[in-house]
Amino acid sequence: MLFESATALYRQNPNLLHMDRVIKLKVKFKGLKNSKE
């Protein structure tokens, strides 16, 4: 996984972490909607 290098990037740019969380939430909601249909 690229987790270690990713955390290093996040320490330099907290904005990246925020965007990553937003993207993950969008993906999660998409999955919930699709599973209900």
N, C-alpha and C. Protein backbone atom coordinates (compact mmCIF):
# COMPACT_ATOMS: atom_id res chain seq x y z
N MET A 1 0.84 -1.21 0.00
CA MET A 1 0.00 0.00 0.00
C MET A 1 0.88 1.26 0.00
N LEU A 2 0.29 2.35 -0.42
CA LEU A 2 1.00 3.63 -0.45
C LEU A 2 0.72 4.43 0.81
N PHE A 3 0.26 3.74 1.85
CA PHE A 3 -0.19 4.44 3.06
C PHE A 3 0.92 5.27 3.69
N GLU A 4 2.14 4.68 3.80
CA GLU A 4 3.23 5.39 4.48
C GLU A 4 3.60 6.67 3.74
N SER A 5 3.74 6.59 2.42
CA SER A 5 4.09 7.79 1.65
C SER A 5 2.93 8.78 1.66
N ALA A 6 1.71 8.25 1.72
CA ALA A 6 0.54 9.12 1.74
C ALA A 6 0.48 9.92 3.04
N THR A 7 0.76 9.28 4.17
CA THR A 7 0.72 10.00 5.44
C THR A 7 1.79 11.08 5.46
N ALA A 8 2.94 10.82 4.83
CA ALA A 8 4.01 11.82 4.76
C ALA A 8 3.51 13.04 3.98
N LEU A 9 2.79 12.78 2.89
CA LEU A 9 2.23 13.88 2.09
C LEU A 9 1.20 14.65 2.91
N TYR A 10 0.36 13.94 3.65
CA TYR A 10 -0.69 14.59 4.44
C TYR A 10 -0.10 15.50 5.51
N ARG A 11 1.06 15.09 6.08
CA ARG A 11 1.69 15.94 7.10
C ARG A 11 2.13 17.26 6.48
N GLN A 12 2.52 17.20 5.20
CA GLN A 12 2.97 18.42 4.52
C GLN A 12 1.77 19.25 4.07
N ASN A 13 0.69 18.59 3.69
CA ASN A 13 -0.47 19.30 3.15
C ASN A 13 -1.77 18.74 3.74
N PRO A 14 -2.24 19.30 4.86
CA PRO A 14 -3.47 18.82 5.51
C PRO A 14 -4.68 18.89 4.58
N ASN A 15 -4.63 19.77 3.59
CA ASN A 15 -5.75 19.89 2.64
C ASN A 15 -5.96 18.59 1.90
N LEU A 16 -4.86 17.88 1.59
CA LEU A 16 -4.96 16.61 0.88
C LEU A 16 -5.76 15.62 1.72
N LEU A 17 -5.51 15.61 3.02
CA LEU A 17 -6.22 14.68 3.90
C LEU A 17 -7.71 14.99 3.88
N HIS A 18 -8.05 16.27 3.93
CA HIS A 18 -9.47 16.65 3.90
C HIS A 18 -10.12 16.18 2.61
N MET A 19 -9.48 16.42 1.47
CA MET A 19 -10.03 16.00 0.19
C MET A 19 -10.19 14.49 0.15
N ASP A 20 -9.21 13.78 0.70
CA ASP A 20 -9.28 12.31 0.71
C ASP A 20 -10.50 11.84 1.50
N ARG A 21 -10.76 12.49 2.63
CA ARG A 21 -11.91 12.10 3.45
C ARG A 21 -13.21 12.39 2.71
N VAL A 22 -13.26 13.53 2.03
CA VAL A 22 -14.47 13.90 1.27
C VAL A 22 -14.73 12.87 0.18
N ILE A 23 -13.66 12.50 -0.54
CA ILE A 23 -13.80 11.52 -1.63
C ILE A 23 -14.28 10.18 -1.06
N LYS A 24 -13.70 9.76 0.06
CA LYS A 24 -14.08 8.47 0.66
C LYS A 24 -15.55 8.50 1.09
N LEU A 25 -15.99 9.64 1.63
CA LEU A 25 -17.39 9.74 2.05
C LEU A 25 -18.31 9.65 0.84
N LYS A 26 -17.93 10.33 -0.26
CA LYS A 26 -18.75 10.28 -1.47
C LYS A 26 -18.84 8.85 -1.98
N VAL A 27 -17.72 8.15 -1.97
CA VAL A 27 -17.69 6.76 -2.44
C VAL A 27 -18.56 5.90 -1.54
N LYS A 28 -18.49 6.14 -0.23
CA LYS A 28 -19.29 5.36 0.73
C LYS A 28 -20.78 5.57 0.48
N PHE A 29 -21.19 6.83 0.29
CA PHE A 29 -22.61 7.12 0.05
C PHE A 29 -23.07 6.52 -1.27
N LYS A 30 -22.21 6.57 -2.28
CA LYS A 30 -22.55 5.95 -3.57
C LYS A 30 -22.81 4.47 -3.37
N GLY A 31 -21.95 3.81 -2.58
CA GLY A 31 -22.10 2.38 -2.34
C GLY A 31 -23.40 2.09 -1.60
N LEU A 32 -23.75 2.95 -0.64
CA LEU A 32 -24.99 2.74 0.10
C LEU A 32 -26.20 2.87 -0.81
N LYS A 33 -26.19 3.89 -1.67
CA LYS A 33 -27.32 4.09 -2.59
C LYS A 33 -27.44 2.91 -3.54
N ASN A 34 -26.31 2.45 -4.07
CA ASN A 34 -26.34 1.35 -5.04
C ASN A 34 -26.82 0.06 -4.38
N SER A 35 -26.43 -0.18 -3.13
CA SER A 35 -26.82 -1.42 -2.46
C SER A 35 -28.32 -1.42 -2.15
N LYS A 36 -28.90 -0.24 -1.93
CA LYS A 36 -30.33 -0.17 -1.64
C LYS A 36 -31.15 -0.45 -2.89
N GLU A 37 -30.65 -0.01 -4.05
CA GLU A 37 -31.39 -0.20 -5.30
C GLU A 37 -31.31 -1.59 -5.77
